[in-house]
Amino acid sequence: MRAKSRNDVVMVMVLVEGNGQVAVGPETAKVGPSDIFLLDLARDWRVELHTNFSAIFVELKEVKWTPESRQF
């Protein structure tokens, strides 16, 4: 799984089951069940899962709102 370059969006990943690693640039971290991490979609990242897995991905986008605009 690889990131798409978008400046205003981040991805929250919760690894429910499974094991693997997350790489952001030259840095890597091992991940396992119940780990939660934040992925900046403006940066180059990679998730490698080495076992069967269950994961939850939530995309968070910044939205600016003012009462005058009455819209997102």
Protein backbone atom coordinates (compact mmCIF):
# COMPACT_ATOMS: atom_id res chain seq x y z
CA MET A 1 0.00 0.00 0.00
CA ARG A 2 1.48 3.39 -0.95
CA ALA A 3 0.51 6.97 -0.31
CA LYS A 4 -0.96 9.35 -2.83
CA SER A 5 0.46 12.83 -2.55
CA ARG A 6 -2.20 15.09 -1.00
CA ASN A 7 -1.33 17.99 1.25
CA ASP A 8 -4.54 18.34 3.23
CA VAL A 9 -5.22 14.71 4.17
CA VAL A 10 -3.85 12.31 6.77
CA MET A 11 -4.65 8.64 7.24
CA VAL A 12 -5.15 7.00 10.63
CA MET A 13 -4.46 3.25 10.58
CA VAL A 14 -5.43 0.87 13.37
CA LEU A 15 -3.95 -2.59 12.98
CA VAL A 16 -6.49 -4.89 14.61
CA GLU A 17 -4.73 -8.17 13.78
CA GLY A 18 -1.48 -9.04 12.03
CA ASN A 19 2.15 -7.92 11.93
CA GLY A 20 4.30 -5.87 9.60
CA GLN A 21 6.12 -2.59 9.32
CA VAL A 22 5.54 1.00 8.32
CA ALA A 23 8.21 2.91 6.41
CA VAL A 24 8.26 6.71 6.13
CA GLY A 25 11.28 7.83 4.14
CA PRO A 26 14.34 6.01 5.51
CA GLU A 27 12.70 5.23 8.89
CA THR A 28 10.79 2.02 9.60
CA ALA A 29 8.79 0.80 12.58
CA LYS A 30 7.41 -2.63 13.36
CA VAL A 31 3.66 -2.74 13.90
CA GLY A 32 1.43 -5.31 15.56
CA PRO A 33 -2.08 -5.82 16.86
CA SER A 34 -3.67 -2.74 18.49
CA ASP A 35 -1.05 -0.34 17.06
CA ILE A 36 -2.39 3.01 15.86
CA PHE A 37 -0.42 5.30 13.60
CA LEU A 38 -0.87 8.48 11.60
CA LEU A 39 0.23 8.65 7.96
CA ASP A 40 0.75 12.03 6.30
CA LEU A 41 -0.40 11.60 2.70
CA ALA A 42 1.88 14.44 1.61
CA ARG A 43 4.91 12.24 2.50
CA ASP A 44 6.12 9.05 0.87
CA TRP A 45 5.15 6.08 3.08
CA ARG A 46 4.70 2.35 2.77
CA VAL A 47 2.88 -0.28 4.87
CA GLU A 48 4.07 -3.89 4.58
CA LEU A 49 1.97 -6.52 6.31
CA HIS A 50 3.62 -9.93 6.70
CA THR A 51 0.62 -11.96 7.94
CA ASN A 52 -3.10 -12.13 7.43
CA PHE A 53 -4.44 -8.91 8.87
CA SER A 54 -7.44 -6.84 9.85
CA ALA A 55 -7.04 -3.08 9.78
CA ILE A 56 -9.12 0.08 9.99
CA PHE A 57 -8.18 3.06 7.83
CA VAL A 58 -9.70 6.48 8.45
CA GLU A 59 -8.94 9.39 6.14
CA LEU A 60 -8.99 12.80 7.85
CA LYS A 61 -9.22 15.92 5.75
CA GLU A 62 -8.89 19.47 6.98
CA VAL A 63 -12.04 21.47 6.43
CA LYS A 64 -12.34 25.18 7.05
CA TRP A 65 -15.71 26.56 7.92
CA THR A 66 -17.06 29.95 8.88
CA PRO A 67 -20.63 30.76 9.87
CA GLU A 68 -20.82 33.24 6.99
CA SER A 69 -20.01 30.65 4.35
CA ARG A 70 -22.63 28.13 5.54
CA GLN A 71 -20.86 25.45 3.54
CA PHE A 72 -17.78 23.23 3.70
